[in-house]
Protein backbone atom coordinates (compact mmCIF):
# COMPACT_ATOMS: atom_id res chain seq x y z
CA MET A 1 8.01 -4.33 0.26
CA ASP A 2 9.84 -1.50 2.16
CA LEU A 3 6.59 0.05 2.87
CA ALA A 4 5.08 -3.03 4.15
CA VAL A 5 8.01 -3.59 6.48
CA GLN A 6 7.61 0.06 7.62
CA ILE A 7 3.89 -0.31 8.38
CA TYR A 8 4.39 -3.67 10.15
CA ARG A 9 6.84 -2.01 12.44
CA LEU A 10 4.46 0.92 13.09
CA ALA A 11 1.52 -1.34 13.64
CA SER A 12 3.43 -3.37 16.23
CA GLY A 13 3.27 -0.45 18.54
CA PHE A 14 -0.59 -0.04 18.36
CA PRO A 15 -2.48 -0.81 21.56
CA PRO A 16 -3.40 -4.46 22.16
CA PRO A 17 -7.20 -3.96 21.71
CA GLU A 18 -6.43 -3.04 18.03
CA MET A 19 -4.79 -6.32 17.27
CA TYR A 20 -7.92 -7.65 15.58
CA ARG A 21 -9.12 -4.26 14.41
CA LEU A 22 -6.82 -1.49 12.99
CA THR A 23 -3.56 -3.57 13.18
CA ALA A 24 -5.19 -6.50 11.09
CA GLN A 25 -6.72 -4.02 8.63
CA ILE A 26 -3.62 -2.01 7.91
CA THR A 27 -1.12 -4.95 7.77
CA ARG A 28 -3.67 -6.81 5.42
CA ALA A 29 -3.92 -3.75 3.23
CA VAL A 30 -0.11 -3.13 3.03
CA ALA A 31 0.77 -6.68 2.40
CA SER A 32 -1.69 -6.68 -0.55
CA VAL A 33 0.34 -4.05 -2.37
CA PRO A 34 3.39 -5.95 -3.35
CA ALA A 35 1.29 -9.30 -3.57
CA ASN A 36 -0.90 -7.69 -6.26
CA ILE A 37 2.01 -6.32 -8.21
CA ALA A 38 3.74 -9.67 -8.30
CA GLU A 39 0.65 -11.51 -9.24
CA GLY A 40 -0.08 -9.08 -11.92
CA SER A 41 3.38 -9.19 -13.24
CA ALA A 42 3.02 -12.96 -13.56
CA ARG A 43 0.05 -12.89 -15.61
CA GLY A 44 0.12 -13.28 -19.31
CA SER A 45 -1.29 -10.03 -20.52
CA ARG A 46 -0.81 -6.35 -20.19
CA LYS A 47 -4.59 -5.96 -19.42
CA ASP A 48 -4.31 -8.25 -16.45
CA TYR A 49 -1.19 -6.80 -15.06
CA ALA A 50 -2.80 -3.22 -15.40
CA ASN A 51 -5.97 -4.44 -13.41
CA PHE A 52 -3.78 -6.00 -10.77
CA LEU A 53 -1.84 -2.72 -10.60
CA ALA A 54 -5.22 -0.93 -10.12
CA ILE A 55 -5.98 -3.38 -7.16
CA ALA A 56 -2.50 -2.61 -5.63
CA LYS A 57 -3.24 1.19 -5.69
CA GLY A 58 -6.60 0.50 -4.00
CA SER A 59 -4.80 -1.48 -1.25
CA LEU A 60 -2.24 1.43 -1.03
CA MET A 61 -4.82 4.06 -0.54
CA GLU A 62 -6.57 1.88 2.09
CA THR A 63 -3.15 1.68 3.84
CA GLU A 64 -2.89 5.44 3.67
CA THR A 65 -6.29 5.74 5.21
CA PHE A 66 -5.50 3.44 8.06
CA LEU A 67 -2.31 5.26 8.69
CA MET A 68 -3.97 8.63 8.86
CA LEU A 69 -6.46 7.10 11.19
CA ALA A 70 -3.74 5.84 13.50
CA VAL A 71 -2.44 9.36 13.77
CA ARG A 72 -5.84 10.71 14.54
CA LEU A 73 -6.34 8.11 17.14
CA VAL A 74 -2.86 9.01 18.60
CA TYR A 75 -1.30 5.72 18.08
CA LEU A 76 1.28 7.40 15.92
CA THR A 77 2.54 11.02 15.76
CA LYS A 78 2.57 12.77 12.37
CA ASP A 79 6.36 12.57 12.42
CA GLU A 80 6.38 8.80 12.81
CA ALA A 81 3.85 8.43 10.09
CA GLN A 82 5.42 10.85 7.74
CA PRO A 83 8.12 8.51 6.02
CA SER A 84 5.56 5.86 5.26
CA LEU A 85 2.95 8.73 3.99
CA SER A 86 5.87 10.04 1.72
CA LEU A 87 6.56 6.39 0.37
CA ILE A 88 2.94 5.97 -0.22
CA THR A 89 2.87 9.02 -2.52
CA GLU A 90 5.93 7.86 -4.38
CA ILE A 91 4.52 4.33 -4.90
CA SER A 92 1.25 5.62 -6.08
CA LYS A 93 2.87 7.72 -8.69
CA MET A 94 4.86 4.83 -9.86
CA LEU A 95 1.93 2.45 -9.88
CA THR A 96 -0.14 5.14 -11.91
CA ALA A 97 2.77 5.58 -14.40
CA LEU A 98 3.41 1.87 -14.92
CA ARG A 99 -0.48 1.20 -15.46
CA LYS A 100 -0.63 4.08 -17.92
CA ARG A 101 2.19 2.58 -19.96
CA LEU A 102 0.64 -0.89 -19.87
CA ILE A 103 -2.72 0.39 -21.10
CA GLU A 104 -1.09 2.61 -23.79
CA GLY A 105 0.89 -0.29 -24.97
CA THR A 106 4.24 1.49 -24.73
CA SER A 107 7.36 -0.37 -23.93
CA LEU A 108 8.24 -0.91 -20.23
């Protein structure tokens, strides 16, 4: 959720023509991360949860890609994007570790 808030705030500064392009794409992707984690945790099986975590990680990687694109388009500086990019790395590691534990059947 913290990442989603950061990205929404950053995207609010994108140029108006990007409203229905990059802004919509990045906010949709970042909102999908916690939404898929929540939906997966509400499922009845480890397999379903692991699947939703994989989907969440895909959305996380989309978010990273769109954020790097925003830097290349000079909508953000590298310094502005760095806190979110660092958080993306941290969340990615957490999702990978949790998914691995679910698949292996070890206790959470």
